[in-house]
């Protein structure tokens, strides 16, 4: 790449870099900026963090891109604005990027490429604390969100594509870009991601009590939501039983006139006499259901009372809880580790967007709408992928999704649920934005989430019961060695890309495990049973289990 390929701004800066040798001689971004950037109002809508247990699925994505370009990447001062005012870290990125882009020696280019990775994340460490600022300039936001620091590294088609990305979250789903993630962390709406290291409370920390109350509230919110869900379910069941009871009583009270003996009416028919037993059965069921309702109402009232008490305590705090810079730095280190994991040890860790490494088609780039569209496809085929069972109640809980601007190929689950609320809290999955195959990356993340949730549910018996138990026993019979979860993720991808279309690639026993514990939707099962005797046999097993109540 030559200077002629670059925009005039960076070409001029590169000329200065080549003329000067030491870091102290680099031009300051504060000095080279002609005018300070004007604050841009942040109009992005906030995504509700409360889990809505009444939602049954994702809404259809009908609009993937804006109709017109936002022209952010056409700004000639984009590069200066993106790095301006970020201190030595920005100076270092500028210097190394300049050398990387003009270097002709492949060995030196490799060295600069490695140096960019370290210097880039040092820059992000400085910038992530500003993500919560609503006046953050768009180039800085685009740098954090897409890794775009230099628009001239786009092809014209890529620039047009990124200029029409829908920036605001209009979906109502918990899918975030990196700048939005840090903003939610900074605002306190999103808790810090779990880490292996135990956090030690700081002495004289004014937020310690507020954080403790927030944790208690998070845990109680789970109990409250679950109690309300159970209450709604039992009330619906009661309504259904009462309607059935009314219909039978109405039928019991219908008498035909006795012909010739009017106005006298007929006695109970044989059919009506059978209704006596049915009515008594319904009454007993209602009596049993009422006892259950009493318990659920009590649980709901207690959780609501505790919630009100905690809210009063939170409002009584002298100031709203603020996330300290130290906490944001902890989250930054976590996000950096996530980014590494999306690429893997042998992957491309280069953090800056460049046409050299971007090879995605528009609909398979990890933009929010594309990710949601694939997640909808996954859930349509695997309707239980986001289901968490508590007290025999199936709750659909969509995880938080963090889209990171990396060239990685691996999606994964960071945590299956919040440690303070295992009932209704969202898990966290991470998706690379520029993978070779976005669908595979998302399937890997969903598989990881599914495995961890199933393992936590089975607890000490995870090698014996449920999905993890059946899968573990199959692996043992095959005498396979290695990471069990990695095997499962690979098999889940095979299940959702081949077996879903009737292409038989799995072992017979393994297919039976997935058919039972990772079931397709009923329409898909009905279709597959007509395609092959293999699936017809599995379908018949479903019917046999249903008849014996052993499913």
Protein backbone atom coordinates (compact mmCIF):
# COMPACT_ATOMS: atom_id res chain seq x y z
CA UNK A 1 0.00 0.00 0.00
CA UNK A 2 1.47 3.38 -0.98
CA UNK A 3 0.79 6.88 0.22
CA UNK A 4 -1.28 7.43 -2.93
CA UNK A 5 -3.76 4.86 -1.65
CA UNK A 6 -4.34 6.83 1.53
CA UNK A 7 -6.45 9.89 2.14
CA UNK A 8 -4.59 13.23 2.18
CA UNK A 9 -4.74 13.55 5.97
CA UNK A 10 -2.94 10.31 6.78
CA UNK A 11 -0.54 10.79 3.85
CA UNK A 12 0.56 14.09 5.35
CA UNK A 13 0.94 12.54 8.78
CA UNK A 14 2.97 9.68 7.32
CA UNK A 15 5.27 12.16 5.68
CA UNK A 16 5.84 13.80 9.06
CA UNK A 17 6.46 10.40 10.65
CA UNK A 18 9.08 9.48 8.09
CA UNK A 19 10.83 12.81 8.63
CA UNK A 20 10.91 12.40 12.38
CA UNK A 21 12.45 9.47 14.25
CA UNK A 22 11.61 9.57 17.96
CA UNK A 23 8.27 9.29 19.74
CA UNK A 24 8.79 12.68 21.30
CA UNK A 25 8.94 14.22 17.81
CA UNK A 26 5.55 12.90 16.72
CA UNK A 27 2.94 15.59 16.11
CA UNK A 28 0.35 15.89 18.85
CA UNK A 29 -3.18 15.09 17.79
CA UNK A 30 -4.36 18.03 19.83
CA UNK A 31 -2.10 20.25 17.73
CA UNK A 32 -2.96 18.83 14.31
CA UNK A 33 -6.73 19.00 14.84
CA UNK A 34 -7.90 22.18 13.14
CA UNK A 35 -11.05 22.48 15.20
CA UNK A 36 -12.14 20.55 18.27
CA UNK A 37 -14.89 18.09 17.35
CA UNK A 38 -18.39 19.08 18.27
CA UNK A 39 -20.25 16.77 20.62
CA UNK A 40 -22.72 14.55 18.83
CA UNK A 41 -25.95 13.73 20.56
CA UNK A 42 -26.28 10.02 21.25
CA UNK A 43 -29.73 8.99 20.06
CA UNK A 44 -29.27 5.24 20.49
CA UNK A 45 -32.18 3.74 22.36
CA UNK A 46 -31.48 1.80 25.54
CA UNK A 47 -32.22 -1.89 25.56
CA UNK A 48 -34.32 -3.12 28.45
CA UNK A 49 -32.31 -5.43 30.67
CA UNK A 50 -35.32 -6.97 32.34
CA UNK A 51 -36.07 -10.44 31.03
CA UNK A 52 -39.57 -10.68 29.57
CA UNK A 53 -40.67 -14.27 30.20
CA UNK A 54 -43.80 -13.76 28.10
CA UNK A 55 -41.82 -13.43 24.85
CA UNK A 56 -41.89 -16.60 22.79
CA UNK A 57 -39.31 -15.78 20.13
CA UNK A 58 -37.39 -13.18 18.15
CA UNK A 59 -39.23 -10.74 15.94
CA UNK A 60 -38.66 -10.99 12.22
CA UNK A 61 -35.86 -8.69 11.06
CA UNK A 62 -37.24 -6.77 8.09
CA UNK A 63 -34.65 -4.00 7.80
CA UNK A 64 -30.95 -4.82 7.83
CA UNK A 65 -29.42 -1.53 6.65
CA UNK A 66 -30.32 2.13 6.42
CA UNK A 67 -31.61 3.43 3.10
CA UNK A 68 -29.06 6.24 2.99
CA UNK A 69 -25.42 6.59 3.98
CA UNK A 70 -24.54 8.41 7.22
CA UNK A 71 -21.34 9.74 5.57
CA UNK A 72 -19.35 9.40 8.81
CA UNK A 73 -16.48 7.75 6.94
CA UNK A 74 -16.40 10.51 4.31
CA UNK A 75 -15.21 13.06 6.88
CA UNK A 76 -11.65 14.11 5.90
CA UNK A 77 -10.90 14.72 9.59
CA UNK A 78 -12.10 11.24 10.64
CA UNK A 79 -8.61 9.91 11.45
CA UNK A 80 -7.62 12.99 13.46
CA UNK A 81 -10.89 13.03 15.35
CA UNK A 82 -10.76 9.30 16.12
CA UNK A 83 -7.29 9.51 17.67
CA UNK A 84 -7.35 13.11 18.81
CA UNK A 85 -6.98 13.80 22.52
CA UNK A 86 -6.13 10.20 23.44
CA UNK A 87 -2.57 10.94 24.58
CA UNK A 88 0.53 8.78 24.16
CA UNK A 89 -1.49 5.67 23.35
CA UNK A 90 -2.92 7.31 20.22
CA UNK A 91 0.50 8.67 19.29
CA UNK A 92 1.94 5.16 19.46
CA UNK A 93 -0.86 3.65 17.35
CA UNK A 94 -0.35 6.40 14.78
CA UNK A 95 3.40 5.84 14.61
CA UNK A 96 3.28 2.02 14.32
CA UNK A 97 0.34 2.06 11.89
CA UNK A 98 2.23 4.51 9.71
CA UNK A 99 5.25 2.22 9.57
CA UNK A 100 3.09 -0.86 9.00
CA UNK A 101 1.28 0.69 6.03
CA UNK A 102 4.48 1.92 4.32
CA UNK A 103 6.76 -1.00 5.15
CA UNK A 104 7.87 -3.16 2.19
CA UNK A 105 9.88 -5.80 4.07
CA UNK A 106 7.57 -8.75 5.03
CA UNK A 107 9.58 -9.50 8.19
CA UNK A 108 9.44 -5.92 9.43
CA UNK A 109 5.76 -5.78 8.50
CA UNK A 110 5.12 -8.83 10.71
CA UNK A 111 6.89 -7.13 13.62
CA UNK A 112 4.84 -3.94 13.21
CA UNK A 113 1.67 -5.99 12.91
CA UNK A 114 2.37 -7.61 16.30
CA UNK A 115 3.19 -4.22 17.84
CA UNK A 116 -0.11 -2.80 16.59
CA UNK A 117 -2.04 -5.41 18.60
CA UNK A 118 -0.49 -4.32 21.90
CA UNK A 119 -0.63 -0.59 21.18
CA UNK A 120 -4.24 -0.83 19.96
CA UNK A 121 -5.49 -2.42 23.15
CA UNK A 122 -3.64 0.20 25.18
CA UNK A 123 -5.59 2.79 23.19
CA UNK A 124 -8.88 0.97 23.84
CA UNK A 125 -8.00 0.87 27.57
CA UNK A 126 -7.89 4.67 27.54
CA UNK A 127 -10.98 5.12 25.37
CA UNK A 128 -13.32 2.59 27.02
CA UNK A 129 -13.83 4.85 30.06
CA UNK A 130 -15.33 7.46 27.73
CA UNK A 131 -17.86 5.11 26.12
CA UNK A 132 -20.57 6.22 28.54
CA UNK A 133 -20.23 9.84 27.41
CA UNK A 134 -23.23 10.73 25.23
CA UNK A 135 -21.16 13.43 23.52
CA UNK A 136 -18.50 10.97 22.32
CA UNK A 137 -17.55 11.85 18.75
CA UNK A 138 -18.77 9.46 16.05
CA UNK A 139 -15.28 8.56 14.75
CA UNK A 140 -14.27 7.46 18.25
CA UNK A 141 -17.48 5.47 18.57
CA UNK A 142 -16.89 3.83 15.17
CA UNK A 143 -13.33 3.02 16.23
CA UNK A 144 -14.60 1.21 19.33
CA UNK A 145 -17.55 -0.41 17.56
CA UNK A 146 -16.06 -1.58 14.26
CA UNK A 147 -12.29 -1.16 14.71
CA UNK A 148 -12.31 1.46 11.93
CA UNK A 149 -9.53 3.97 12.49
CA UNK A 150 -8.72 4.84 8.88
CA UNK A 151 -11.53 4.99 6.27
CA UNK A 152 -9.02 4.68 3.42
CA UNK A 153 -8.53 1.04 4.46
CA UNK A 154 -12.06 0.38 3.15
CA UNK A 155 -12.83 -0.56 -0.42
CA UNK A 156 -15.55 1.74 -1.85
CA UNK A 157 -18.09 -1.07 -1.44
CA UNK A 158 -17.06 -1.70 2.16
CA UNK A 159 -17.28 1.99 3.00
CA UNK A 160 -20.80 2.12 1.58
CA UNK A 161 -21.76 -1.00 3.55
CA UNK A 162 -20.49 0.30 6.89
CA UNK A 163 -22.01 3.73 6.22
CA UNK A 164 -25.48 2.17 6.07
CA UNK A 165 -25.26 0.01 9.21
CA UNK A 166 -28.15 0.68 11.61
CA UNK A 167 -26.37 2.22 14.59
CA UNK A 168 -29.22 2.42 17.09
CA UNK A 169 -30.67 -0.63 18.78
CA UNK A 170 -34.27 -0.63 17.61
CA UNK A 171 -34.77 -4.35 18.15
CA UNK A 172 -35.35 -4.43 21.91
CA UNK A 173 -32.93 -7.37 22.13
CA UNK A 174 -29.80 -7.47 24.34
CA UNK A 175 -27.27 -7.42 21.49
CA UNK A 176 -24.43 -4.92 21.96
CA UNK A 177 -21.41 -3.59 20.16
CA UNK A 178 -18.25 -2.98 22.17
CA UNK A 179 -18.83 0.75 22.73
CA UNK A 180 -22.42 0.05 23.86
CA UNK A 181 -21.17 -2.71 26.18
CA UNK A 182 -18.78 -0.37 27.98
CA UNK A 183 -21.52 2.26 28.12
CA UNK A 184 -23.90 -0.17 29.84
CA UNK A 185 -21.14 -1.20 32.26
CA UNK A 186 -20.31 2.44 33.03
CA UNK A 187 -23.97 3.26 33.69
CA UNK A 188 -24.35 0.33 36.11
CA UNK A 189 -27.18 -1.21 34.06
CA UNK A 190 -24.95 -4.16 33.20
CA UNK A 191 -22.94 -6.00 35.86
CA UNK A 192 -19.29 -6.81 35.37
CA UNK A 193 -18.61 -10.05 33.56
CA UNK A 194 -17.60 -12.95 35.78
CA UNK A 195 -13.89 -13.64 36.21
CA UNK A 196 -11.93 -16.43 37.85
CA UNK A 197 -10.28 -13.96 40.22
CA UNK A 198 -12.19 -13.07 43.36
CA UNK A 199 -12.75 -9.34 43.73
CA UNK A 200 -11.64 -7.95 47.07
CA UNK A 201 -13.76 -5.06 48.35
CA UNK A 202 -11.86 -1.82 48.70
CA UNK A 203 -11.67 -0.15 52.09
CA UNK A 204 -13.84 2.92 52.55
CA UNK A 205 -15.49 2.26 49.21
CA UNK A 206 -18.59 4.51 49.11
CA UNK A 207 -20.20 2.21 46.56
CA UNK A 208 -19.70 -1.01 48.52
CA UNK A 209 -23.09 -0.91 50.24
CA UNK A 210 -24.86 0.15 47.06
CA UNK A 211 -23.24 -2.73 45.18
CA UNK A 212 -24.25 -5.19 47.90
CA UNK A 213 -27.86 -3.97 47.71
CA UNK A 214 -27.75 -4.21 43.92
CA UNK A 215 -26.59 -7.82 44.13
CA UNK A 216 -29.38 -8.67 46.57
CA UNK A 217 -31.89 -6.96 44.30
CA UNK A 218 -30.61 -8.89 41.28
CA UNK A 219 -31.05 -12.16 43.14
CA UNK A 220 -34.52 -11.18 44.38
CA UNK A 221 -35.57 -10.05 40.90
CA UNK A 222 -35.03 -13.60 39.71
CA UNK A 223 -37.25 -14.97 42.47
CA UNK A 224 -39.88 -12.31 41.78
CA UNK A 225 -39.98 -12.99 38.04
CA UNK A 226 -40.14 -16.73 38.52
CA UNK A 227 -42.85 -16.47 41.20
CA UNK A 228 -44.91 -14.23 38.93
CA UNK A 229 -44.42 -16.61 36.01
CA UNK A 230 -45.57 -19.58 38.12
CA UNK A 231 -48.50 -17.55 39.40
CA UNK A 232 -49.57 -16.60 35.87
CA UNK A 233 -49.27 -20.21 34.75
CA UNK A 234 -51.38 -21.56 37.62
CA UNK A 235 -53.99 -18.83 37.18
CA UNK A 236 -54.27 -19.75 33.50
CA UNK A 237 -54.62 -23.39 34.46
CA UNK A 238 -57.35 -22.48 36.97
CA UNK A 239 -59.19 -20.43 34.35
CA UNK A 240 -59.07 -23.36 31.95
CA UNK A 241 -60.40 -25.79 34.60
CA UNK A 242 -63.17 -23.37 35.61
CA UNK A 243 -64.25 -22.99 31.97
CA UNK A 244 -64.34 -26.76 31.58
CA UNK A 245 -66.34 -27.03 34.81
CA UNK A 246 -68.84 -24.40 33.61
CA UNK A 247 -69.31 -26.24 30.31
CA UNK A 248 -70.02 -29.52 32.08
CA UNK A 249 -72.44 -27.91 34.56
CA UNK A 250 -74.21 -26.17 31.67
CA UNK A 251 -74.51 -29.54 29.93
CA UNK A 252 -75.75 -31.11 33.16
CA UNK A 253 -78.46 -28.48 33.54
CA UNK A 254 -79.89 -28.94 30.06
CA UNK A 255 -83.16 -30.97 30.08
CA UNK A 256 -85.38 -31.70 27.15
CA UNK A 257 -89.17 -31.35 27.66
CA UNK A 258 -91.25 -34.50 28.14
CA UNK A 259 -93.53 -34.73 25.14
CA UNK A 260 -97.16 -34.79 26.24
CA UNK A 261 -96.26 -33.99 29.88
CA UNK A 262 -95.30 -30.36 29.45
CA UNK A 263 -94.02 -28.33 31.23
CA UNK A 264 -92.18 -31.25 32.91
CA UNK A 265 -88.67 -32.14 31.67
CA UNK A 266 -86.60 -35.26 31.19
CA UNK A 267 -84.42 -36.79 33.92
CA UNK A 268 -80.63 -37.00 33.59
CA UNK A 269 -79.45 -38.91 30.55
CA UNK A 270 -76.68 -41.54 30.75
CA UNK A 271 -74.27 -39.01 29.32
CA UNK A 272 -75.23 -36.45 31.96
CA UNK A 273 -74.83 -39.00 34.73
CA UNK A 274 -71.23 -39.53 33.61
CA UNK A 275 -70.71 -35.80 34.09
CA UNK A 276 -71.08 -36.19 37.89
CA UNK A 277 -67.74 -38.02 38.09
CA UNK A 278 -66.07 -35.55 35.72
CA UNK A 279 -67.35 -32.58 37.72
CA UNK A 280 -66.09 -34.08 40.97
CA UNK A 281 -62.69 -34.68 39.31
CA UNK A 282 -62.55 -31.05 38.15
CA UNK A 283 -63.48 -29.83 41.64
CA UNK A 284 -60.71 -31.91 43.21
CA UNK A 285 -58.25 -30.56 40.66
CA UNK A 286 -59.35 -27.01 41.46
CA UNK A 287 -59.00 -27.65 45.18
CA UNK A 288 -55.44 -28.97 44.67
CA UNK A 289 -54.61 -26.07 42.37
CA UNK A 290 -55.90 -23.57 44.93
CA UNK A 291 -53.48 -24.91 47.55
CA UNK A 292 -50.61 -24.47 45.08
CA UNK A 293 -51.80 -20.94 44.30
CA UNK A 294 -51.77 -20.03 47.99
CA UNK A 295 -48.09 -21.01 48.16
CA UNK A 296 -47.15 -19.18 44.96
CA UNK A 297 -49.00 -16.04 46.05
CA UNK A 298 -47.10 -16.13 49.33
CA UNK A 299 -43.76 -16.46 47.50
CA UNK A 300 -44.73 -13.62 45.16
CA UNK A 301 -45.77 -11.33 48.02
CA UNK A 302 -42.55 -12.04 49.92
CA UNK A 303 -40.36 -11.37 46.87
CA UNK A 304 -42.30 -8.20 46.08
CA UNK A 305 -41.98 -6.99 49.67
CA UNK A 306 -38.23 -7.66 49.68
CA UNK A 307 -37.93 -5.90 46.32
CA UNK A 308 -39.73 -2.82 47.61
CA UNK A 309 -37.51 -2.77 50.69
CA UNK A 310 -34.35 -3.01 48.58
CA UNK A 311 -35.57 -0.25 46.27
CA UNK A 312 -36.17 1.99 49.30
CA UNK A 313 -32.65 1.27 50.51
CA UNK A 314 -31.23 2.05 47.08
CA UNK A 315 -33.11 5.35 46.90
CA UNK A 316 -31.88 6.17 50.40
CA UNK A 317 -28.26 6.01 49.24
CA UNK A 318 -26.67 9.50 49.17
CA UNK A 319 -25.77 9.14 45.47
CA UNK A 320 -26.62 6.84 42.63
CA UNK A 321 -24.18 3.99 42.38
CA UNK A 322 -21.38 4.72 39.97
CA UNK A 323 -19.08 2.17 38.45
CA UNK A 324 -15.52 3.06 39.37
CA UNK A 325 -12.75 3.40 36.80
CA UNK A 326 -11.14 0.36 38.41
CA UNK A 327 -14.24 -1.73 37.66
CA UNK A 328 -14.28 -0.55 34.04
CA UNK A 329 -10.61 -1.54 33.79
CA UNK A 330 -11.54 -5.00 35.07
CA UNK A 331 -14.21 -5.28 32.37
CA UNK A 332 -11.73 -4.01 29.78
CA UNK A 333 -9.32 -6.82 30.64
CA UNK A 334 -12.19 -9.28 30.39
CA UNK A 335 -13.27 -7.96 26.97
CA UNK A 336 -9.68 -8.10 25.75
CA UNK A 337 -9.53 -11.75 26.81
CA UNK A 338 -12.82 -12.36 25.01
CA UNK A 339 -11.38 -10.86 21.84
CA UNK A 340 -8.38 -13.19 22.04
CA UNK A 341 -10.65 -16.19 22.50
CA UNK A 342 -12.68 -15.36 19.37
CA UNK A 343 -9.45 -15.65 17.35
CA UNK A 344 -7.81 -18.57 19.13
CA UNK A 345 -4.08 -19.10 19.55
CA UNK A 346 -3.38 -19.46 15.85
CA UNK A 347 -5.90 -16.86 14.68
CA UNK A 348 -5.49 -13.39 13.28
CA UNK A 349 -5.26 -11.02 16.26
CA UNK A 350 -4.96 -7.89 14.11
CA UNK A 351 -7.43 -5.44 15.69
CA UNK A 352 -7.84 -2.73 13.03
CA UNK A 353 -10.36 -2.97 10.23
CA UNK A 354 -8.66 -3.36 6.85
CA UNK A 355 -9.75 -4.71 3.50
CA UNK A 356 -6.69 -6.97 3.67
CA UNK A 357 -8.39 -9.25 6.21
CA UNK A 358 -12.11 -8.54 5.78
CA UNK A 359 -13.66 -11.20 3.53
CA UNK A 360 -17.29 -11.32 4.72
CA UNK A 361 -20.35 -10.82 2.58
CA UNK A 362 -22.76 -8.13 3.86
CA UNK A 363 -25.39 -10.50 5.33
CA UNK A 364 -22.71 -12.58 7.09
CA UNK A 365 -20.93 -9.67 8.76
CA UNK A 366 -21.56 -9.57 12.51
CA UNK A 367 -23.81 -6.52 12.58
CA UNK A 368 -26.63 -6.58 15.13
CA UNK A 369 -29.45 -7.28 12.67
CA UNK A 370 -27.52 -10.08 10.96
CA UNK A 371 -26.72 -11.70 14.32
CA UNK A 372 -30.36 -11.53 15.40
CA UNK A 373 -31.51 -12.97 12.08
CA UNK A 374 -29.27 -16.01 12.55
CA UNK A 375 -30.24 -16.36 16.21
CA UNK A 376 -33.88 -16.45 15.09
CA UNK A 377 -33.03 -19.20 12.61
CA UNK A 378 -31.23 -21.17 15.34
CA UNK A 379 -34.16 -20.86 17.76
CA UNK A 380 -36.71 -21.71 15.06
CA UNK A 381 -34.92 -25.02 14.47
CA UNK A 382 -33.79 -25.62 18.07
CA UNK A 383 -36.69 -24.12 20.07
CA UNK A 384 -35.19 -25.08 23.43
CA UNK A 385 -31.78 -23.44 22.91
CA UNK A 386 -32.61 -20.53 25.25
CA UNK A 387 -34.90 -22.45 27.60
CA UNK A 388 -34.01 -22.69 31.30
CA UNK A 389 -36.15 -24.95 33.49
CA UNK A 390 -36.98 -24.00 37.09
CA UNK A 391 -39.62 -25.78 39.16
CA UNK A 392 -40.79 -27.56 36.00
CA UNK A 393 -41.41 -24.19 34.36
CA UNK A 394 -39.70 -23.51 31.04
CA UNK A 395 -38.43 -19.94 30.88
CA UNK A 396 -37.09 -18.50 27.64
CA UNK A 397 -34.09 -16.35 28.53
CA UNK A 398 -32.08 -14.79 25.70
CA UNK A 399 -28.44 -14.15 26.69
CA UNK A 400 -26.56 -10.90 26.36
CA UNK A 401 -24.69 -10.91 23.06
CA UNK A 402 -21.43 -8.96 22.68
CA UNK A 403 -20.28 -8.39 19.09
CA UNK A 404 -16.53 -7.77 19.01
CA UNK A 405 -14.71 -6.31 15.96
CA UNK A 406 -12.26 -9.20 15.45
CA UNK A 407 -11.32 -11.50 12.58
CA UNK A 408 -11.94 -14.53 14.79
CA UNK A 409 -14.03 -17.56 13.89
CA UNK A 410 -15.05 -18.72 17.36
CA UNK A 411 -18.22 -17.73 19.18
CA UNK A 412 -18.51 -18.86 22.79
CA UNK A 413 -20.42 -18.49 26.06
CA UNK A 414 -18.61 -16.45 28.71
CA UNK A 415 -21.10 -17.23 31.49
CA UNK A 416 -24.42 -19.13 31.38
CA UNK A 417 -26.16 -16.85 33.91
CA UNK A 418 -25.46 -14.25 36.59
CA UNK A 419 -23.97 -15.79 39.72
CA UNK A 420 -26.42 -13.88 41.92
CA UNK A 421 -29.51 -14.87 39.95
CA UNK A 422 -29.47 -18.32 38.38
CA UNK A 423 -33.23 -18.38 37.80
CA UNK A 424 -33.96 -15.60 35.30
CA UNK A 425 -30.69 -13.75 34.64
CA UNK A 426 -29.23 -13.58 31.17
CA UNK A 427 -26.08 -15.44 30.22
CA UNK A 428 -23.39 -13.88 28.04
CA UNK A 429 -22.19 -15.02 24.63
CA UNK A 430 -19.52 -13.41 22.47
CA UNK A 431 -19.59 -13.22 18.66
CA UNK A 432 -16.73 -12.11 16.34
CA UNK A 433 -17.92 -9.57 13.77
CA UNK A 434 -15.66 -10.56 10.86
CA UNK A 435 -15.50 -14.39 10.84
CA UNK A 436 -15.24 -16.67 7.83
CA UNK A 437 -18.73 -18.00 8.62
CA UNK A 438 -20.97 -16.00 10.97
CA UNK A 439 -23.57 -18.77 11.22
CA UNK A 440 -20.95 -21.28 12.44
CA UNK A 441 -19.58 -18.77 14.98
CA UNK A 442 -23.08 -18.18 16.39
CA UNK A 443 -23.87 -21.90 16.48
CA UNK A 444 -20.67 -22.46 18.48
CA UNK A 445 -21.73 -19.81 21.00
CA UNK A 446 -25.25 -21.26 21.36
CA UNK A 447 -23.81 -24.77 21.73
CA UNK A 448 -21.45 -23.55 24.46
CA UNK A 449 -24.36 -21.86 26.27
CA UNK A 450 -26.51 -24.98 25.94
CA UNK A 451 -23.77 -27.21 27.34
CA UNK A 452 -23.02 -24.99 30.34
CA UNK A 453 -26.70 -24.54 31.25
CA UNK A 454 -27.33 -28.30 30.99
CA UNK A 455 -24.25 -29.04 33.08
CA UNK A 456 -25.27 -26.58 35.80
CA UNK A 457 -28.79 -28.03 35.84
CA UNK A 458 -27.48 -31.59 36.31
CA UNK A 459 -25.03 -30.38 38.98
CA UNK A 460 -23.13 -33.28 40.59
CA UNK A 461 -24.82 -35.76 38.29
CA UNK A 462 -23.78 -34.09 35.03
CA UNK A 463 -21.93 -37.26 33.90
CA UNK A 464 -25.04 -39.37 34.47
CA UNK A 465 -28.19 -37.35 33.74
CA UNK A 466 -29.68 -35.31 30.94
CA UNK A 467 -27.88 -34.03 27.87
CA UNK A 468 -24.40 -33.87 29.42
CA UNK A 469 -24.74 -37.32 31.00
CA UNK A 470 -25.89 -39.04 27.81
CA UNK A 471 -23.25 -37.28 25.74
CA UNK A 472 -20.47 -38.07 28.24
CA UNK A 473 -21.39 -41.75 28.24
CA UNK A 474 -21.36 -41.85 24.44
CA UNK A 475 -17.90 -40.23 24.37
CA UNK A 476 -16.69 -42.81 26.90
CA UNK A 477 -17.99 -45.67 24.77
CA UNK A 478 -16.16 -44.23 21.76
CA UNK A 479 -12.96 -43.98 23.86
CA UNK A 480 -12.39 -40.41 22.67
CA UNK A 481 -9.88 -38.22 24.48
CA UNK A 482 -9.83 -34.45 24.71
CA UNK A 483 -12.08 -31.60 25.76
CA UNK A 484 -15.65 -32.88 26.12
CA UNK A 485 -17.29 -29.52 25.51
CA UNK A 486 -15.31 -29.00 22.29
CA UNK A 487 -16.61 -32.34 20.99
CA UNK A 488 -20.17 -31.32 21.85
CA UNK A 489 -19.85 -27.94 20.13
CA UNK A 490 -18.56 -29.59 16.95
CA UNK A 491 -21.41 -32.13 17.03
CA UNK A 492 -24.01 -29.41 17.66
CA UNK A 493 -22.77 -27.52 14.59
CA UNK A 494 -23.07 -30.76 12.59
CA UNK A 495 -26.58 -31.31 13.99
CA UNK A 496 -27.73 -27.82 13.03
CA UNK A 497 -26.08 -27.67 9.60
CA UNK A 498 -26.42 -31.21 8.24
CA UNK A 499 -28.88 -33.33 10.21
CA UNK A 500 -31.40 -30.47 10.24
CA UNK A 501 -31.69 -30.95 6.47
CA UNK A 502 -31.79 -34.74 6.65
CA UNK A 503 -28.12 -35.20 5.70
CA UNK A 504 -27.03 -38.09 7.92
CA UNK A 505 -23.52 -37.43 9.20
CA UNK A 506 -23.77 -38.46 12.86
CA UNK A 507 -23.34 -41.78 14.62
CA UNK A 508 -26.66 -43.57 15.17
CA UNK A 509 -26.43 -43.46 18.98
CA UNK A 510 -25.31 -39.85 19.01
CA UNK A 511 -28.15 -38.86 16.69
CA UNK A 512 -30.60 -40.42 19.16
CA UNK A 513 -29.08 -38.37 22.03
CA UNK A 514 -29.45 -35.12 20.09
CA UNK A 515 -32.94 -36.03 18.82
CA UNK A 516 -34.12 -36.37 22.41
CA UNK A 517 -32.16 -33.69 24.27
CA UNK A 518 -31.57 -31.13 21.48
CA UNK A 519 -34.86 -31.59 19.62
CA UNK A 520 -35.82 -29.85 16.40
CA UNK A 521 -39.18 -28.11 16.21
CA UNK A 522 -42.19 -30.37 15.59
CA UNK A 523 -42.62 -29.31 11.97
CA UNK A 524 -39.00 -30.22 11.25
CA UNK A 525 -39.46 -33.60 12.96
CA UNK A 526 -42.59 -34.28 10.92
CA UNK A 527 -40.65 -33.49 7.76
CA UNK A 528 -37.59 -35.59 8.65
CA UNK A 529 -39.60 -38.71 9.55
CA UNK A 530 -40.89 -38.77 5.97
CA UNK A 531 -37.38 -38.54 4.52
CA UNK A 532 -35.71 -41.57 6.05
CA UNK A 533 -36.48 -44.63 8.20
CA UNK A 534 -33.66 -43.44 10.52
CA UNK A 535 -35.68 -40.39 11.56
CA UNK A 536 -38.98 -42.30 11.46
CA UNK A 537 -37.61 -44.66 14.11
CA UNK A 538 -36.57 -41.74 16.33
CA UNK A 539 -39.98 -40.17 15.82
CA UNK A 540 -41.67 -43.39 16.96
CA UNK A 541 -39.50 -43.42 20.08
CA UNK A 542 -40.89 -39.97 20.91
CA UNK A 543 -44.42 -41.33 20.66
CA UNK A 544 -43.58 -44.33 22.83
CA UNK A 545 -42.03 -42.14 25.53
CA UNK A 546 -45.02 -39.80 25.46
CA UNK A 547 -47.41 -42.72 25.93
CA UNK A 548 -45.39 -44.07 28.86
CA UNK A 549 -44.93 -40.60 30.41
CA UNK A 550 -41.20 -41.22 30.39
CA UNK A 551 -40.23 -38.48 27.98
